[in-house]
Protein backbone atom coordinates (compact mmCIF):
# COMPACT_ATOMS: atom_id res chain seq x y z
CA UNK A 1 -0.03 0.02 -0.01
CA UNK A 2 1.22 3.49 -0.84
CA UNK A 3 2.56 5.43 2.16
CA UNK A 4 0.17 8.20 3.05
CA UNK A 5 1.49 11.66 3.93
CA UNK A 6 1.88 12.35 7.59
CA UNK A 7 -1.12 14.71 7.80
CA UNK A 8 -3.42 12.04 6.51
CA UNK A 9 -2.02 9.53 8.87
CA UNK A 10 -2.59 11.78 11.77
CA UNK A 11 -6.19 12.64 10.86
CA UNK A 12 -7.05 8.94 10.36
CA UNK A 13 -5.55 8.01 13.72
CA UNK A 14 -7.40 10.85 15.49
CA UNK A 15 -10.70 9.75 13.86
CA UNK A 16 -10.18 5.94 13.63
CA UNK A 17 -12.18 5.08 16.72
CA UNK A 18 -15.30 6.66 15.32
CA UNK A 19 -15.89 3.65 13.11
CA UNK A 20 -15.00 0.99 15.58
CA UNK A 21 -18.28 0.83 17.49
CA UNK A 22 -18.81 0.48 21.29
CA UNK A 23 -15.96 -1.91 21.68
CA UNK A 24 -13.13 0.59 20.97
CA UNK A 25 -14.44 4.10 20.76
CA UNK A 26 -12.05 6.95 21.41
CA UNK A 27 -12.38 10.35 23.03
CA UNK A 28 -10.77 13.40 21.37
CA UNK A 29 -9.51 15.65 24.09
CA UNK A 30 -7.48 18.85 23.89
CA UNK A 31 -4.10 18.41 25.46
CA UNK A 32 -4.09 19.65 29.12
CA UNK A 33 -7.29 17.95 30.01
CA UNK A 34 -7.41 16.82 33.67
CA UNK A 35 -7.64 13.26 32.35
CA UNK A 36 -4.01 12.25 31.41
CA UNK A 37 -4.70 8.54 31.19
CA UNK A 38 -4.69 8.45 27.40
CA UNK A 39 -2.38 5.90 25.87
CA UNK A 40 -1.36 7.83 22.80
CA UNK A 41 -0.82 11.49 21.76
CA UNK A 42 -0.31 12.79 18.27
CA UNK A 43 0.13 16.19 16.61
CA UNK A 44 -1.74 17.44 13.64
CA UNK A 45 -0.44 19.29 10.62
CA UNK A 46 2.54 21.51 10.66
CA UNK A 47 4.26 23.62 13.28
CA UNK A 48 1.93 26.49 12.81
CA UNK A 49 -1.38 24.62 12.69
CA UNK A 50 -3.85 23.91 15.40
CA UNK A 51 -2.24 26.00 18.02
CA UNK A 52 -5.14 25.43 20.62
CA UNK A 53 -6.09 21.90 19.52
CA UNK A 54 -2.67 20.72 18.39
CA UNK A 55 -2.39 17.67 20.57
CA UNK A 56 -5.17 15.07 20.06
CA UNK A 57 -5.34 12.01 22.37
CA UNK A 58 -7.46 8.95 21.98
CA UNK A 59 -8.29 6.09 24.38
CA UNK A 60 -10.45 3.02 24.32
CA UNK A 61 -12.70 3.34 27.34
CA UNK A 62 -14.99 6.20 26.35
CA UNK A 63 -17.15 7.52 23.58
CA UNK A 64 -15.86 9.88 20.93
CA UNK A 65 -19.23 11.24 20.21
CA UNK A 66 -21.48 12.21 23.03
CA UNK A 67 -25.09 12.54 21.72
CA UNK A 68 -27.86 14.42 23.25
CA UNK A 69 -31.64 14.16 22.64
CA UNK A 70 -32.21 17.87 22.63
CA UNK A 71 -30.52 21.17 22.66
CA UNK A 72 -31.27 22.04 26.30
CA UNK A 73 -28.53 19.89 27.97
CA UNK A 74 -25.56 21.13 29.87
CA UNK A 75 -22.69 22.63 27.88
CA UNK A 76 -19.01 21.89 28.61
CA UNK A 77 -16.46 24.30 27.24
CA UNK A 78 -13.03 22.67 26.68
CA UNK A 79 -11.13 25.40 24.89
CA UNK A 80 -10.54 27.64 28.00
CA UNK A 81 -7.05 28.98 27.52
CA UNK A 82 -8.16 32.43 28.64
CA UNK A 83 -10.72 33.73 31.13
CA UNK A 84 -10.53 37.30 30.35
CA UNK A 85 -9.68 39.68 27.57
CA UNK A 86 -7.58 42.14 29.59
CA UNK A 87 -4.88 42.31 27.00
CA UNK A 88 -7.05 43.03 24.00
CA UNK A 89 -10.17 44.41 25.56
CA UNK A 90 -11.56 47.66 24.44
CA UNK A 91 -12.28 50.06 27.37
CA UNK A 92 -15.76 49.90 28.63
CA UNK A 93 -18.07 52.29 26.83
CA UNK A 94 -20.64 53.74 29.22
CA UNK A 95 -22.34 55.54 26.34
CA UNK A 96 -23.72 52.48 24.72
CA UNK A 97 -27.34 52.66 23.72
CA UNK A 98 -29.64 50.28 25.42
CA UNK A 99 -31.93 49.74 22.42
CA UNK A 100 -32.47 45.94 22.75
CA UNK A 101 -35.16 44.15 24.69
CA UNK A 102 -33.70 42.04 27.43
CA UNK A 103 -35.27 39.16 29.40
CA UNK A 104 -34.75 39.99 33.04
CA UNK A 105 -34.40 43.10 35.09
CA UNK A 106 -32.58 46.08 33.61
CA UNK A 107 -29.25 46.52 35.35
CA UNK A 108 -28.96 42.89 36.40
CA UNK A 109 -25.36 41.71 36.47
CA UNK A 110 -26.32 39.01 33.94
CA UNK A 111 -27.20 41.63 31.17
CA UNK A 112 -24.59 42.85 28.72
CA UNK A 113 -25.12 46.58 27.99
CA UNK A 114 -24.36 46.59 24.21
CA UNK A 115 -25.86 47.63 20.84
CA UNK A 116 -25.39 45.47 17.72
CA UNK A 117 -25.78 46.32 14.12
CA UNK A 118 -26.57 42.90 12.78
CA UNK A 119 -30.27 42.08 12.07
CA UNK A 120 -30.74 39.21 14.56
CA UNK A 121 -28.60 38.29 17.67
CA UNK A 122 -29.01 36.02 20.61
CA UNK A 123 -26.63 35.67 23.56
CA UNK A 124 -27.33 32.92 26.05
CA UNK A 125 -25.62 32.15 29.40
CA UNK A 126 -24.96 28.51 28.69
CA UNK A 127 -24.75 27.81 32.37
CA UNK A 128 -28.18 29.15 33.39
CA UNK A 129 -29.90 29.07 29.92
CA UNK A 130 -30.78 32.75 30.46
CA UNK A 131 -30.93 35.10 27.56
CA UNK A 132 -28.57 38.01 28.29
CA UNK A 133 -28.93 39.83 25.02
CA UNK A 134 -31.35 39.41 22.18
CA UNK A 135 -32.40 41.33 19.00
CA UNK A 136 -35.21 39.79 16.85
CA UNK A 137 -34.09 36.44 18.31
CA UNK A 138 -37.27 34.57 17.48
CA UNK A 139 -37.35 35.53 13.76
CA UNK A 140 -36.29 32.80 11.35
CA UNK A 141 -33.73 33.94 8.82
CA UNK A 142 -31.53 32.23 6.20
CA UNK A 143 -28.50 30.75 7.98
CA UNK A 144 -26.14 29.93 5.03
CA UNK A 145 -23.21 27.74 5.99
CA UNK A 146 -24.09 27.59 9.71
CA UNK A 147 -26.26 24.71 8.25
CA UNK A 148 -22.99 22.65 8.21
CA UNK A 149 -23.20 22.04 12.02
CA UNK A 150 -26.37 20.12 11.42
CA UNK A 151 -24.71 18.38 8.56
CA UNK A 152 -21.89 17.30 10.82
CA UNK A 153 -24.23 16.00 13.54
CA UNK A 154 -26.17 13.93 11.01
CA UNK A 155 -22.93 12.51 9.60
CA UNK A 156 -21.64 11.62 13.11
CA UNK A 157 -24.94 10.18 14.28
CA UNK A 158 -24.71 7.69 11.44
CA UNK A 159 -21.60 6.06 12.90
CA UNK A 160 -20.02 5.68 9.42
CA UNK A 161 -16.47 4.62 8.75
CA UNK A 162 -14.48 7.92 8.95
CA UNK A 163 -11.54 6.15 7.11
CA UNK A 164 -13.64 5.45 4.01
CA UNK A 165 -12.38 7.31 1.01
CA UNK A 166 -14.88 9.56 -0.77
CA UNK A 167 -14.48 10.88 -4.30
CA UNK A 168 -15.99 14.28 -5.28
CA UNK A 169 -18.40 13.92 -8.21
CA UNK A 170 -19.33 16.75 -10.58
CA UNK A 171 -22.74 16.83 -8.91
CA UNK A 172 -21.17 17.82 -5.66
CA UNK A 173 -20.35 21.24 -7.22
CA UNK A 174 -24.01 21.79 -8.40
CA UNK A 175 -26.23 23.58 -5.92
CA UNK A 176 -28.88 26.22 -5.54
CA UNK A 177 -26.11 28.88 -5.96
CA UNK A 178 -22.76 29.09 -7.68
CA UNK A 179 -20.01 29.09 -5.12
CA UNK A 180 -16.30 29.19 -5.42
CA UNK A 181 -14.25 26.21 -4.34
CA UNK A 182 -10.68 25.14 -4.30
CA UNK A 183 -11.71 21.45 -4.67
CA UNK A 184 -12.17 19.64 -8.00
CA UNK A 185 -14.19 16.86 -9.31
CA UNK A 186 -12.20 13.55 -8.83
CA UNK A 187 -10.60 14.72 -5.56
CA UNK A 188 -10.32 11.97 -3.06
CA UNK A 189 -10.37 12.36 0.70
CA UNK A 190 -11.47 10.25 3.61
CA UNK A 191 -14.70 11.00 5.38
CA UNK A 192 -12.92 12.57 8.34
CA UNK A 193 -11.04 14.97 6.13
CA UNK A 194 -14.31 15.82 4.20
CA UNK A 195 -15.90 16.63 7.48
CA UNK A 196 -12.90 18.79 8.56
CA UNK A 197 -13.00 20.53 5.20
CA UNK A 198 -16.62 21.26 5.56
CA UNK A 199 -16.54 22.65 9.17
CA UNK A 200 -13.22 24.47 9.11
CA UNK A 201 -13.01 25.74 5.53
CA UNK A 202 -16.78 25.58 4.79
CA UNK A 203 -16.10 23.90 1.48
CA UNK A 204 -19.62 23.23 -0.03
CA UNK A 205 -18.58 20.22 -2.25
CA UNK A 206 -17.28 18.45 0.82
CA UNK A 207 -20.59 18.92 2.66
CA UNK A 208 -22.41 17.84 -0.47
CA UNK A 209 -20.32 14.68 -0.77
CA UNK A 210 -20.90 13.73 2.83
CA UNK A 211 -24.64 13.88 2.27
CA UNK A 212 -24.49 11.89 -0.97
CA UNK A 213 -22.55 9.17 0.69
CA UNK A 214 -25.06 8.86 3.52
CA UNK A 215 -27.06 5.58 3.98
CA UNK A 216 -30.08 6.04 1.70
CA UNK A 217 -28.46 8.79 -0.23
CA UNK A 218 -28.90 12.59 -0.49
CA UNK A 219 -32.73 12.77 0.15
CA UNK A 220 -32.40 10.50 3.18
CA UNK A 221 -29.71 12.93 4.51
CA UNK A 222 -31.97 15.98 4.11
CA UNK A 223 -34.78 14.10 5.94
CA UNK A 224 -32.32 13.28 8.76
CA UNK A 225 -31.33 16.93 9.02
CA UNK A 226 -34.85 18.05 9.55
CA UNK A 227 -35.72 15.21 11.80
CA UNK A 228 -32.65 16.18 14.03
CA UNK A 229 -33.80 19.75 14.06
CA UNK A 230 -37.29 18.63 15.24
CA UNK A 231 -35.66 16.48 17.95
CA UNK A 232 -33.73 19.45 19.20
CA UNK A 233 -36.91 21.51 19.50
CA UNK A 234 -35.97 23.89 16.62
CA UNK A 235 -39.46 24.88 15.79
CA UNK A 236 -38.52 27.60 13.29
CA UNK A 237 -35.85 25.54 11.33
CA UNK A 238 -35.87 24.03 7.93
CA UNK A 239 -33.08 22.48 5.92
CA UNK A 240 -33.21 22.25 2.19
CA UNK A 241 -29.53 21.29 1.47
CA UNK A 242 -26.47 20.23 3.51
CA UNK A 243 -24.33 23.29 2.52
CA UNK A 244 -26.41 26.32 3.38
CA UNK A 245 -26.35 27.60 -0.26
CA UNK A 246 -30.12 26.98 -0.25
CA UNK A 247 -31.83 30.14 0.95
CA UNK A 248 -34.59 27.91 2.34
CA UNK A 249 -32.23 26.87 5.07
CA UNK A 250 -33.59 29.06 7.97
CA UNK A 251 -33.79 29.14 11.69
CA UNK A 252 -34.22 31.81 14.35
CA UNK A 253 -31.19 32.75 16.59
CA UNK A 254 -32.88 31.09 19.59
CA UNK A 255 -33.25 27.91 17.66
CA UNK A 256 -29.64 28.05 16.58
CA UNK A 257 -28.65 28.35 20.19
CA UNK A 258 -30.20 24.87 20.62
CA UNK A 259 -28.25 23.58 17.63
CA UNK A 260 -24.93 25.00 18.83
CA UNK A 261 -25.50 23.60 22.35
CA UNK A 262 -26.22 20.15 20.83
CA UNK A 263 -23.21 20.42 18.50
CA UNK A 264 -21.06 21.09 21.54
CA UNK A 265 -21.80 17.57 22.74
CA UNK A 266 -19.70 16.17 19.81
CA UNK A 267 -16.02 16.50 20.61
CA UNK A 268 -15.22 16.03 16.86
CA UNK A 269 -17.22 19.11 16.02
CA UNK A 270 -15.48 21.12 18.77
CA UNK A 271 -12.06 20.17 17.41
CA UNK A 272 -12.77 20.66 13.73
CA UNK A 273 -14.64 24.01 13.96
CA UNK A 274 -11.75 25.54 15.99
CA UNK A 275 -8.95 24.21 13.90
CA UNK A 276 -6.98 27.22 12.68
CA UNK A 277 -5.52 25.62 9.62
CA UNK A 278 -4.78 22.23 8.02
CA UNK A 279 -2.78 20.95 5.12
CA UNK A 280 -4.86 18.45 3.20
CA UNK A 281 -3.12 15.86 0.90
CA UNK A 282 -5.66 15.57 -1.89
CA UNK A 283 -5.45 12.67 -4.34
CA UNK A 284 -6.91 12.88 -7.80
CA UNK A 285 -6.29 10.38 -10.61
CA UNK A 286 -7.03 12.77 -13.45
CA UNK A 287 -5.57 16.05 -12.13
CA UNK A 288 -2.72 14.74 -9.96
CA UNK A 289 -2.08 14.89 -6.29
CA UNK A 290 -1.65 18.14 -4.48
CA UNK A 291 -1.53 19.81 -1.02
CA UNK A 292 -4.51 22.08 -0.22
CA UNK A 293 -3.61 24.48 2.53
CA UNK A 294 -6.79 25.51 4.23
CA UNK A 295 -7.54 28.14 6.92
CA UNK A 296 -10.50 28.60 9.22
CA UNK A 297 -13.26 30.96 7.92
CA UNK A 298 -13.44 32.73 11.26
CA UNK A 299 -10.92 35.46 11.81
CA UNK A 300 -11.48 35.14 15.63
CA UNK A 301 -10.45 31.48 15.51
CA UNK A 302 -7.38 32.18 13.39
CA UNK A 303 -6.27 35.06 15.59
CA UNK A 304 -6.56 33.02 18.82
CA UNK A 305 -7.36 36.15 20.78
CA UNK A 306 -10.60 34.82 22.34
CA UNK A 307 -11.44 31.45 23.91
CA UNK A 308 -13.82 29.73 21.42
CA UNK A 309 -15.03 26.20 21.75
CA UNK A 310 -17.21 25.98 18.74
CA UNK A 311 -17.37 28.26 15.71
CA UNK A 312 -19.17 28.32 12.26
CA UNK A 313 -19.48 31.19 9.78
CA UNK A 314 -21.88 31.61 6.92
CA UNK A 315 -22.75 33.86 3.93
CA UNK A 316 -25.10 34.08 1.13
CA UNK A 317 -26.76 37.28 -0.05
CA UNK A 318 -30.07 36.42 1.57
CA UNK A 319 -28.49 35.63 4.88
CA UNK A 320 -25.83 38.34 5.10
CA UNK A 321 -22.82 37.57 7.25
CA UNK A 322 -23.43 35.13 9.95
CA UNK A 323 -21.56 33.39 12.81
CA UNK A 324 -22.33 31.21 15.72
CA UNK A 325 -19.94 30.61 18.62
CA UNK A 326 -19.57 29.06 21.99
CA UNK A 327 -17.15 30.72 24.36
CA UNK A 328 -16.14 30.76 27.95
CA UNK A 329 -15.42 34.10 29.59
CA UNK A 330 -14.69 34.81 33.22
CA UNK A 331 -15.35 31.14 33.81
CA UNK A 332 -18.91 31.40 32.43
CA UNK A 333 -19.98 29.71 29.21
CA UNK A 334 -21.98 31.56 26.67
CA UNK A 335 -23.45 30.94 23.16
CA UNK A 336 -23.45 33.69 20.63
CA UNK A 337 -25.65 33.76 17.42
CA UNK A 338 -25.29 36.64 14.95
CA UNK A 339 -27.40 36.64 11.76
CA UNK A 340 -27.85 39.23 8.96
CA UNK A 341 -24.80 41.41 9.34
CA UNK A 342 -24.31 43.54 6.22
CA UNK A 343 -20.59 43.12 6.06
CA UNK A 344 -17.73 41.12 7.59
CA UNK A 345 -16.73 44.18 9.57
CA UNK A 346 -20.21 44.40 11.07
CA UNK A 347 -20.23 40.69 11.92
CA UNK A 348 -16.86 40.68 13.60
CA UNK A 349 -17.47 44.07 15.21
CA UNK A 350 -20.69 42.79 16.86
CA UNK A 351 -18.95 39.56 17.94
CA UNK A 352 -16.06 41.36 19.63
CA UNK A 353 -18.46 43.78 21.25
CA UNK A 354 -20.31 40.89 22.75
CA UNK A 355 -17.14 39.00 23.75
CA UNK A 356 -15.62 42.03 25.42
CA UNK A 357 -18.86 42.82 27.29
CA UNK A 358 -19.01 39.27 28.54
CA UNK A 359 -15.51 39.84 29.97
CA UNK A 360 -16.77 42.81 31.94
CA UNK A 361 -19.88 41.35 33.48
CA UNK A 362 -19.88 40.16 37.02
CA UNK A 363 -19.68 36.49 37.73
CA UNK A 364 -21.12 36.42 41.32
């Protein structure tokens, strides 16, 4: 057998247990976890990649994928390399306009006194479940590539062999909208790499290929996405495709909070959505083999300035610029949903405003 490049070997090793069933399932854990009983440790990518999730461990006595029945369960943040933003925090602006409806008493220590420019926003204290900021949070809007979090959960729920090689077909590049891609028809990656490509780089053909190679095919995959949304109590959600290019993919910010919370129970999704960069070795019989150097679509993940445990961005014209995140600030977990920003600057400006405000709120 042809020797695989190191990066592919590492990815396969990190994901291999996902296909072994209950006998030998593995847990992916960020290095530095209190549990140091793992029998193996391996590094991903090159020296500059995966700075927060560089060291991946696996063991044979626990589950790699922790599933939940709904989006209301407890959330555990593992990427907690920082508890405050003192080094990069903007000074507190006491002149912020309080033009958003809050749930709870005005002036409560749980409320974050901010104003946002995006169309719809929800910020939830993931420890208490309390809404600490919202703006049109019950209005369903197009969610673009945030859909890929649901795609990932459906793939992982199926318990498929993550080592299986998948070949991109021309139909994987056909969707409701034309979208640019650095992938090509005939490219071959294993299922784990396709999932990482979809979550980190938001490559639409990768998401499409994962759905096409689902038991029962593409239509069964879409049904599973909507069934999962129902199971999570996402009453405003609908999924028409696995990529988010379909403008019919909609949900309210409050329903996306449920989806992000549920996604947080899958360690694989945590690792893959917060991967800063990865060098994929792509095989292609027709066009030759190549290295695809990919970076995370989130500038906040790439910068490493904020503790982010889950992240997914999205954009189509109908949705605007979107992002969902899970974070932990001042030892308190929070879920952030931003939909309908009119520019990347607005999206990231609102996100930083929220994150910095979370850093200043009282925790007792």
